[in-house]
Amino acid sequence: MGRRQEGFRWIGVEQEENPKWNPNWIVFADKDDDPIVVVTNRENTPVLASYETSELFPIADSFSDFLDSLSATLLIVHENFEGEIMDG
């Protein structure tokens, strides 16, 4: 059982499988405990996310697109904001 799946695919003290969780969804990261998920059974492996316990929604058409966007974001943060994304 992957730790990132806890609270999403596996829930409760007994870590039982969540019947609402698609077994083809894999949480590979999170932002403030909100999941970022890849869909492993779809072409191009789309990426979904959820905020504040909302339903999952698409954020990238493919895992490759997600990584390209993440790379561009990190480069902007590094070059323009000296690694800081928050003011203050």
PDB file of N, CA and C in Angstrom:
ATOM      1  N   MET A   1       0.849  -1.180   0.000  1.00  0.00           N
ATOM      2  CA  MET A   1       0.000   0.000   0.000  1.00  0.00           C
ATOM      3  C   MET A   1       0.889   1.235   0.000  1.00  0.00           C
ATOM      4  N   GLY A   2       0.716   2.106  -0.982  1.00  0.00           N
ATOM      5  CA  GLY A   2       1.501   3.335  -1.060  1.00  0.00           C
ATOM      6  C   GLY A   2       0.976   4.383  -0.098  1.00  0.00           C
ATOM      7  N   ARG A   3       1.889   5.046   0.561  1.00  0.00           N
ATOM      8  CA  ARG A   3       1.496   6.057   1.547  1.00  0.00           C
ATOM      9  C   ARG A   3       0.674   7.188   0.945  1.00  0.00           C
ATOM     10  N   ARG A   4       0.994   7.583  -0.271  1.00  0.00           N
ATOM     11  CA  ARG A   4       0.239   8.667  -0.910  1.00  0.00           C
ATOM     12  C   ARG A   4      -1.229   8.295  -1.117  1.00  0.00           C
ATOM     13  N   GLN A   5      -1.551   7.009  -1.141  1.00  0.00           N
ATOM     14  CA  GLN A   5      -2.929   6.576  -1.366  1.00  0.00           C
ATOM     15  C   GLN A   5      -3.779   6.669  -0.096  1.00  0.00           C
ATOM     16  N   GLU A   6      -3.115   6.777   1.077  1.00  0.00           N
ATOM     17  CA  GLU A   6      -3.841   6.814   2.351  1.00  0.00           C
ATOM     18  C   GLU A   6      -4.742   8.043   2.404  1.00  0.00           C
ATOM     19  N   GLY A   7      -5.981   7.823   2.801  1.00  0.00           N
ATOM     20  CA  GLY A   7      -6.961   8.891   2.876  1.00  0.00           C
ATOM     21  C   GLY A   7      -7.724   9.101   1.579  1.00  0.00           C
ATOM     22  N   PHE A   8      -7.277   8.462   0.536  1.00  0.00           N
ATOM     23  CA  PHE A   8      -7.936   8.577  -0.757  1.00  0.00           C
ATOM     24  C   PHE A   8      -8.411   7.192  -1.201  1.00  0.00           C
ATOM     25  N   ARG A   9      -7.474   6.343  -1.580  1.00  0.00           N
ATOM     26  CA  ARG A   9      -7.860   4.985  -1.968  1.00  0.00           C
ATOM     27  C   ARG A   9      -8.141   4.141  -0.734  1.00  0.00           C
ATOM     28  N   TRP A  10      -7.327   4.279   0.287  1.00  0.00           N
ATOM     29  CA  TRP A  10      -7.520   3.540   1.535  1.00  0.00           C
ATOM     30  C   TRP A  10      -7.895   4.527   2.625  1.00  0.00           C
ATOM     31  N   ILE A  11      -8.982   4.219   3.334  1.00  0.00           N
ATOM     32  CA  ILE A  11      -9.514   5.162   4.313  1.00  0.00           C
ATOM     33  C   ILE A  11      -9.743   4.489   5.658  1.00  0.00           C
ATOM     34  N   GLY A  12      -9.848   5.316   6.676  1.00  0.00           N
ATOM     35  CA  GLY A  12     -10.165   4.832   8.013  1.00  0.00           C
ATOM     36  C   GLY A  12      -8.976   4.211   8.720  1.00  0.00           C
ATOM     37  N   VAL A  13      -9.192   3.891   9.978  1.00  0.00           N
ATOM     38  CA  VAL A  13      -8.148   3.293  10.812  1.00  0.00           C
ATOM     39  C   VAL A  13      -7.710   1.957  10.247  1.00  0.00           C
ATOM     40  N   GLU A  14      -8.655   1.203   9.725  1.00  0.00           N
ATOM     41  CA  GLU A  14      -8.358  -0.123   9.179  1.00  0.00           C
ATOM     42  C   GLU A  14      -7.787  -0.058   7.761  1.00  0.00           C
ATOM     43  N   GLN A  15      -7.717   1.160   7.183  1.00  0.00           N
ATOM     44  CA  GLN A  15      -7.207   1.347   5.828  1.00  0.00           C
ATOM     45  C   GLN A  15      -7.938   0.459   4.821  1.00  0.00           C
ATOM     46  N   GLU A  16      -9.261   0.524   4.863  1.00  0.00           N
ATOM     47  CA  GLU A  16     -10.084  -0.226   3.915  1.00  0.00           C
ATOM     48  C   GLU A  16     -10.165   0.535   2.595  1.00  0.00           C
ATOM     49  N   GLU A  17     -10.356  -0.216   1.521  1.00  0.00           N
ATOM     50  CA  GLU A  17     -10.430   0.414   0.208  1.00  0.00           C
ATOM     51  C   GLU A  17     -11.699   1.258   0.089  1.00  0.00           C
ATOM     52  N   ASN A  18     -11.541   2.486  -0.371  1.00  0.00           N
ATOM     53  CA  ASN A  18     -12.644   3.414  -0.571  1.00  0.00           C
ATOM     54  C   ASN A  18     -13.424   2.955  -1.804  1.00  0.00           C
ATOM     55  N   PRO A  19     -14.706   2.616  -1.659  1.00  0.00           N
ATOM     56  CA  PRO A  19     -15.475   2.125  -2.810  1.00  0.00           C
ATOM     57  C   PRO A  19     -15.684   3.189  -3.888  1.00  0.00           C
ATOM     58  N   LYS A  20     -15.489   4.454  -3.570  1.00  0.00           N
ATOM     59  CA  LYS A  20     -15.651   5.529  -4.549  1.00  0.00           C
ATOM     60  C   LYS A  20     -14.365   5.818  -5.320  1.00  0.00           C
ATOM     61  N   TRP A  21     -13.262   5.195  -4.900  1.00  0.00           N
ATOM     62  CA  TRP A  21     -11.963   5.479  -5.520  1.00  0.00           C
ATOM     63  C   TRP A  21     -11.716   4.537  -6.685  1.00  0.00           C
ATOM     64  N   ASN A  22     -11.381   5.080  -7.823  1.00  0.00           N
ATOM     65  CA  ASN A  22     -11.068   4.288  -9.006  1.00  0.00           C
ATOM     66  C   ASN A  22      -9.675   3.675  -8.824  1.00  0.00           C
ATOM     67  N   PRO A  23      -9.532   2.372  -8.921  1.00  0.00           N
ATOM     68  CA  PRO A  23      -8.222   1.745  -8.716  1.00  0.00           C
ATOM     69  C   PRO A  23      -7.181   2.146  -9.768  1.00  0.00           C
ATOM     70  N   ASN A  24      -7.619   2.792 -10.855  1.00  0.00           N
ATOM     71  CA  ASN A  24      -6.689   3.277 -11.871  1.00  0.00           C
ATOM     72  C   ASN A  24      -6.173   4.685 -11.580  1.00  0.00           C
ATOM     73  N   TRP A  25      -6.608   5.272 -10.468  1.00  0.00           N
ATOM     74  CA  TRP A  25      -6.111   6.578 -10.046  1.00  0.00           C
ATOM     75  C   TRP A  25      -4.983   6.356  -9.053  1.00  0.00           C
ATOM     76  N   ILE A  26      -3.852   6.988  -9.295  1.00  0.00           N
ATOM     77  CA  ILE A  26      -2.724   6.890  -8.371  1.00  0.00           C
ATOM     78  C   ILE A  26      -2.322   8.288  -7.934  1.00  0.00           C
ATOM     79  N   VAL A  27      -2.377   8.518  -6.632  1.00  0.00           N
ATOM     80  CA  VAL A  27      -1.916   9.783  -6.065  1.00  0.00           C
ATOM     81  C   VAL A  27      -0.392   9.741  -6.083  1.00  0.00           C
ATOM     82  N   PHE A  28       0.229  10.633  -6.844  1.00  0.00           N
ATOM     83  CA  PHE A  28       1.684  10.640  -6.917  1.00  0.00           C
ATOM     84  C   PHE A  28       2.281  11.850  -6.216  1.00  0.00           C
ATOM     85  N   ALA A  29       1.434  12.804  -5.837  1.00  0.00           N
ATOM     86  CA  ALA A  29       1.903  13.996  -5.128  1.00  0.00           C
ATOM     87  C   ALA A  29       0.705  14.647  -4.462  1.00  0.00           C
ATOM     88  N   ASP A  30       0.994  15.611  -3.606  1.00  0.00           N
ATOM     89  CA  ASP A  30      -0.091  16.397  -3.030  1.00  0.00           C
ATOM     90  C   ASP A  30       0.399  17.819  -2.800  1.00  0.00           C
ATOM     91  N   LYS A  31      -0.551  18.719  -2.710  1.00  0.00           N
ATOM     92  CA  LYS A  31      -0.294  20.124  -2.392  1.00  0.00           C
ATOM     93  C   LYS A  31      -1.178  20.452  -1.217  1.00  0.00           C
ATOM     94  N   ASP A  32      -0.571  20.670  -0.056  1.00  0.00           N
ATOM     95  CA  ASP A  32      -1.327  20.949   1.168  1.00  0.00           C
ATOM     96  C   ASP A  32      -2.363  19.860   1.452  1.00  0.00           C
ATOM     97  N   ASP A  33      -1.967  18.618   1.295  1.00  0.00           N
ATOM     98  CA  ASP A  33      -2.803  17.440   1.512  1.00  0.00           C
ATOM     99  C   ASP A  33      -3.927  17.268   0.492  1.00  0.00           C
ATOM    100  N   ASP A  34      -3.905  18.026  -0.593  1.00  0.00           N
ATOM    101  CA  ASP A  34      -4.851  17.840  -1.686  1.00  0.00           C
ATOM    102  C   ASP A  34      -4.168  16.993  -2.762  1.00  0.00           C
ATOM    103  N   PRO A  35      -4.840  15.947  -3.271  1.00  0.00           N
ATOM    104  CA  PRO A  35      -4.172  14.992  -4.159  1.00  0.00           C
ATOM    105  C   PRO A  35      -3.943  15.506  -5.580  1.00  0.00           C
ATOM    106  N   ILE A  36      -2.822  15.058  -6.147  1.00  0.00           N
ATOM    107  CA  ILE A  36      -2.548  15.180  -7.571  1.00  0.00           C
ATOM    108  C   ILE A  36      -2.439  13.741  -8.068  1.00  0.00           C
ATOM    109  N   VAL A  37      -3.269  13.405  -9.049  1.00  0.00           N
ATOM    110  CA  VAL A  37      -3.522  12.015  -9.420  1.00  0.00           C
ATOM    111  C   VAL A  37      -3.231  11.784 -10.902  1.00  0.00           C
ATOM    112  N   VAL A  38      -2.625  10.644 -11.219  1.00  0.00           N
ATOM    113  CA  VAL A  38      -2.519  10.213 -12.616  1.00  0.00           C
ATOM    114  C   VAL A  38      -3.561   9.126 -12.852  1.00  0.00           C
ATOM    115  N   VAL A  39      -4.114   9.118 -14.060  1.00  0.00           N
ATOM    116  CA  VAL A  39      -5.101   8.114 -14.458  1.00  0.00           C
ATOM    117  C   VAL A  39      -4.361   7.103 -15.334  1.00  0.00           C
ATOM    118  N   THR A  40      -4.100   5.929 -14.777  1.00  0.00           N
ATOM    119  CA  THR A  40      -3.193   4.975 -15.421  1.00  0.00           C
ATOM    120  C   THR A  40      -3.811   4.166 -16.557  1.00  0.00           C
ATOM    121  N   ASN A  41      -5.122   4.157 -16.657  1.00  0.00           N
ATOM    122  CA  ASN A  41      -5.743   3.330 -17.701  1.00  0.00           C
ATOM    123  C   ASN A  41      -6.232   4.138 -18.895  1.00  0.00           C
ATOM    124  N   ARG A  42      -5.836   5.403 -18.975  1.00  0.00           N
ATOM    125  CA  ARG A  42      -6.234   6.230 -20.116  1.00  0.00           C
ATOM    126  C   ARG A  42      -5.019   6.641 -20.920  1.00  0.00           C
ATOM    127  N   GLU A  43      -5.195   6.740 -22.209  1.00  0.00           N
ATOM    128  CA  GLU A  43      -4.105   7.136 -23.093  1.00  0.00           C
ATOM    129  C   GLU A  43      -3.505   8.463 -22.642  1.00  0.00           C
ATOM    130  N   ASN A  44      -2.208   8.569 -22.680  1.00  0.00           N
ATOM    131  CA  ASN A  44      -1.424   9.745 -22.297  1.00  0.00           C
ATOM    132  C   ASN A  44      -1.370  10.002 -20.790  1.00  0.00           C
ATOM    133  N   THR A  45      -2.030   9.187 -20.000  1.00  0.00           N
ATOM    134  CA  THR A  45      -2.014   9.300 -18.542  1.00  0.00           C
ATOM    135  C   THR A  45      -2.349  10.722 -18.089  1.00  0.00           C
ATOM    136  N   PRO A  46      -3.623  11.119 -18.207  1.00  0.00           N
ATOM    137  CA  PRO A  46      -4.020  12.454 -17.769  1.00  0.00           C
ATOM    138  C   PRO A  46      -3.794  12.657 -16.267  1.00  0.00           C
ATOM    139  N   VAL A  47      -3.749  13.920 -15.876  1.00  0.00           N
ATOM    140  CA  VAL A  47      -3.505  14.280 -14.481  1.00  0.00           C
ATOM    141  C   VAL A  47      -4.717  15.047 -13.961  1.00  0.00           C
ATOM    142  N   LEU A  48      -5.146  14.668 -12.752  1.00  0.00           N
ATOM    143  CA  LEU A  48      -6.286  15.284 -12.085  1.00  0.00           C
ATOM    144  C   LEU A  48      -5.821  15.865 -10.748  1.00  0.00           C
ATOM    145  N   ALA A  49      -6.609  16.768 -10.203  1.00  0.00           N
ATOM    146  CA  ALA A  49      -6.313  17.319  -8.883  1.00  0.00           C
ATOM    147  C   ALA A  49      -7.619  17.612  -8.161  1.00  0.00           C
ATOM    148  N   SER A  50      -7.497  17.842  -6.881  1.00  0.00           N
ATOM    149  CA  SER A  50      -8.642  18.205  -6.050  1.00  0.00           C
ATOM    150  C   SER A  50      -8.167  19.238  -5.036  1.00  0.00           C
ATOM    151  N   TYR A  51      -9.034  20.179  -4.709  1.00  0.00           N
ATOM    152  CA  TYR A  51      -8.719  21.185  -3.693  1.00  0.00           C
ATOM    153  C   TYR A  51      -9.827  21.219  -2.662  1.00  0.00           C
ATOM    154  N   GLU A  52      -9.425  21.254  -1.400  1.00  0.00           N
ATOM    155  CA  GLU A  52     -10.389  21.385  -0.305  1.00  0.00           C
ATOM    156  C   GLU A  52     -11.512  20.361  -0.409  1.00  0.00           C
ATOM    157  N   THR A  53     -11.168  19.114  -0.640  1.00  0.00           N
ATOM    158  CA  THR A  53     -12.091  17.978  -0.732  1.00  0.00           C
ATOM    159  C   THR A  53     -13.090  18.069  -1.895  1.00  0.00           C
ATOM    160  N   SER A  54     -12.775  18.877  -2.916  1.00  0.00           N
ATOM    161  CA  SER A  54     -13.651  18.940  -4.089  1.00  0.00           C
ATOM    162  C   SER A  54     -13.475  17.667  -4.909  1.00  0.00           C
ATOM    163  N   GLU A  55     -14.332  17.494  -5.897  1.00  0.00           N
ATOM    164  CA  GLU A  55     -14.190  16.384  -6.835  1.00  0.00           C
ATOM    165  C   GLU A  55     -12.896  16.572  -7.618  1.00  0.00           C
ATOM    166  N   LEU A  56     -12.313  15.471  -8.074  1.00  0.00           N
ATOM    167  CA  LEU A  56     -11.135  15.560  -8.927  1.00  0.00           C
ATOM    168  C   LEU A  56     -11.504  16.237 -10.241  1.00  0.00           C
ATOM    169  N   PHE A  57     -10.604  17.063 -10.745  1.00  0.00           N
ATOM    170  CA  PHE A  57     -10.831  17.735 -12.016  1.00  0.00           C
ATOM    171  C   PHE A  57      -9.531  17.695 -12.824  1.00  0.00           C
ATOM    172  N   PRO A  58      -9.621  17.750 -14.162  1.00  0.00           N
ATOM    173  CA  PRO A  58      -8.418  17.643 -14.991  1.00  0.00           C
ATOM    174  C   PRO A  58      -7.541  18.890 -14.890  1.00  0.00           C
ATOM    175  N   ILE A  59      -6.221  18.665 -14.788  1.00  0.00           N
ATOM    176  CA  ILE A  59      -5.273  19.785 -14.815  1.00  0.00           C
ATOM    177  C   ILE A  59      -4.259  19.642 -15.946  1.00  0.00           C
ATOM    178  N   ALA A  60      -4.159  18.452 -16.539  1.00  0.00           N
ATOM    179  CA  ALA A  60      -3.267  18.247 -17.689  1.00  0.00           C
ATOM    180  C   ALA A  60      -3.785  17.071 -18.503  1.00  0.00           C
ATOM    181  N   ASP A  61      -3.697  17.205 -19.812  1.00  0.00           N
ATOM    182  CA  ASP A  61      -4.162  16.139 -20.702  1.00  0.00           C
ATOM    183  C   ASP A  61      -3.266  14.910 -20.664  1.00  0.00           C
ATOM    184  N   SER A  62      -2.015  15.104 -20.217  1.00  0.00           N
ATOM    185  CA  SER A  62      -1.085  13.980 -20.130  1.00  0.00           C
ATOM    186  C   SER A  62      -0.079  14.243 -19.013  1.00  0.00           C
ATOM    187  N   PHE A  63       0.555  13.167 -18.542  1.00  0.00           N
ATOM    188  CA  PHE A  63       1.584  13.313 -17.520  1.00  0.00           C
ATOM    189  C   PHE A  63       2.759  14.109 -18.082  1.00  0.00           C
ATOM    190  N   SER A  64       3.047  13.918 -19.360  1.00  0.00           N
ATOM    191  CA  SER A  64       4.113  14.673 -20.014  1.00  0.00           C
ATOM    192  C   SER A  64       3.806  16.173 -20.007  1.00  0.00           C
ATOM    193  N   ASP A  65       2.564  16.546 -20.344  1.00  0.00           N
ATOM    194  CA  ASP A  65       2.168  17.958 -20.302  1.00  0.00           C
ATOM    195  C   ASP A  65       2.283  18.513 -18.890  1.00  0.00           C
ATOM    196  N   PHE A  66       1.889  17.721 -17.899  1.00  0.00           N
ATOM    197  CA  PHE A  66       1.989  18.148 -16.504  1.00  0.00           C
ATOM    198  C   PHE A  66       3.448  18.448 -16.151  1.00  0.00           C
ATOM    199  N   LEU A  67       4.348  17.545 -16.515  1.00  0.00           N
ATOM    200  CA  LEU A  67       5.766  17.748 -16.190  1.00  0.00           C
ATOM    201  C   LEU A  67       6.342  18.959 -16.925  1.00  0.00           C
ATOM    202  N   ASP A  68       5.921  19.170 -18.172  1.00  0.00           N
ATOM    203  CA  ASP A  68       6.362  20.359 -18.909  1.00  0.00           C
ATOM    204  C   ASP A  68       5.909  21.632 -18.198  1.00  0.00           C
ATOM    205  N   SER A  69       4.661  21.659 -17.754  1.00  0.00           N
ATOM    206  CA  SER A  69       4.126  22.831 -17.056  1.00  0.00           C
ATOM    207  C   SER A  69       4.822  23.045 -15.712  1.00  0.00           C
ATOM    208  N   LEU A  70       5.048  21.959 -15.004  1.00  0.00           N
ATOM    209  CA  LEU A  70       5.743  22.058 -13.721  1.00  0.00           C
ATOM    210  C   LEU A  70       7.156  22.593 -13.923  1.00  0.00           C
ATOM    211  N   SER A  71       7.840  22.107 -14.922  1.00  0.00           N
ATOM    212  CA  SER A  71       9.191  22.559 -15.221  1.00  0.00           C
ATOM    213  C   SER A  71       9.210  24.052 -15.544  1.00  0.00           C
ATOM    214  N   ALA A  72       8.265  24.499 -16.382  1.00  0.00           N
ATOM    215  CA  ALA A  72       8.185  25.922 -16.728  1.00  0.00           C
ATOM    216  C   ALA A  72       7.895  26.776 -15.500  1.00  0.00           C
ATOM    217  N   THR A  73       7.005  26.302 -14.649  1.00  0.00           N
ATOM    218  CA  THR A  73       6.675  27.035 -13.426  1.00  0.00           C
ATOM    219  C   THR A  73       7.886  27.156 -12.510  1.00  0.00           C
ATOM    220  N   LEU A  74       8.595  26.056 -12.315  1.00  0.00           N
ATOM    221  CA  LEU A  74       9.778  26.083 -11.449  1.00  0.00           C
ATOM    222  C   LEU A  74      10.854  27.009 -12.006  1.00  0.00           C
ATOM    223  N   LEU A  75      11.019  27.029 -13.319  1.00  0.00           N
ATOM    224  CA  LEU A  75      11.991  27.914 -13.943  1.00  0.00           C
ATOM    225  C   LEU A  75      11.617  29.378 -13.714  1.00  0.00           C
ATOM    226  N   ILE A  76      10.351  29.722 -13.873  1.00  0.00           N
ATOM    227  CA  ILE A  76       9.892  31.095 -13.620  1.00  0.00           C
ATOM    228  C   ILE A  76      10.125  31.478 -12.171  1.00  0.00           C
ATOM    229  N   VAL A  77       9.764  30.600 -11.258  1.00  0.00           N
ATOM    230  CA  VAL A  77       9.953  30.879  -9.826  1.00  0.00           C
ATOM    231  C   VAL A  77      11.432  31.092  -9.520  1.00  0.00           C
ATOM    232  N   HIS A  78      12.279  30.256 -10.100  1.00  0.00           N
ATOM    233  CA  HIS A  78      13.722  30.363  -9.863  1.00  0.00           C
ATOM    234  C   HIS A  78      14.302  31.649 -10.446  1.00  0.00           C
ATOM    235  N   GLU A  79      13.978  31.915 -11.715  1.00  0.00           N
ATOM    236  CA  GLU A  79      14.589  33.049 -12.408  1.00  0.00           C
ATOM    237  C   GLU A  79      13.996  34.401 -12.018  1.00  0.00           C
ATOM    238  N   ASN A  80      12.704  34.472 -11.806  1.00  0.00           N
ATOM    239  CA  ASN A  80      12.052  35.758 -11.566  1.00  0.00           C
ATOM    240  C   ASN A  80      11.814  36.074 -10.099  1.00  0.00           C
ATOM    241  N   PHE A  81      11.758  35.053  -9.258  1.00  0.00           N
ATOM    242  CA  PHE A  81      11.395  35.287  -7.871  1.00  0.00           C
ATOM    243  C   PHE A  81      12.401  34.685  -6.885  1.00  0.00           C
ATOM    244  N   GLU A  82      13.577  34.351  -7.379  1.00  0.00           N
ATOM    245  CA  GLU A  82      14.659  33.814  -6.549  1.00  0.00           C
ATOM    246  C   GLU A  82      14.185  32.630  -5.691  1.00  0.00           C
ATOM    247  N   GLY A  83      13.325  31.812  -6.257  1.00  0.00           N
ATOM    248  CA  GLY A  83      12.851  30.614  -5.572  1.00  0.00           C
ATOM    249  C   GLY A  83      11.690  30.838  -4.623  1.00  0.00           C
ATOM    250  N   GLU A  84      11.265  32.086  -4.462  1.00  0.00           N
ATOM    251  CA  GLU A  84      10.146  32.385  -3.543  1.00  0.00           C
ATOM    252  C   GLU A  84       8.890  32.676  -4.358  1.00  0.00           C
ATOM    253  N   ILE A  85       7.793  31.994  -4.041  1.00  0.00           N
ATOM    254  CA  ILE A  85       6.565  32.242  -4.787  1.00  0.00           C
ATOM    255  C   ILE A  85       5.574  33.078  -4.006  1.00  0.00           C
ATOM    256  N   MET A  86       5.928  33.422  -2.774  1.00  0.00           N
ATOM    257  CA  MET A  86       5.039  34.229  -1.943  1.00  0.00           C
ATOM    258  C   MET A  86       5.749  35.524  -1.557  1.00  0.00           C
ATOM    259  N   ASP A  87       5.017  36.599  -1.533  1.00  0.00           N
ATOM    260  CA  ASP A  87       5.577  37.878  -1.127  1.00  0.00           C
ATOM    261  C   ASP A  87       5.648  37.947   0.385  1.00  0.00           C
ATOM    262  N   GLY A  88       6.746  38.431   0.885  1.00  0.00           N
ATOM    263  CA  GLY A  88       6.815  38.675   2.321  1.00  0.00           C
ATOM    264  C   GLY A  88       7.729  37.818   3.020  1.00  0.00           C
TER     265      GLY A  88
END
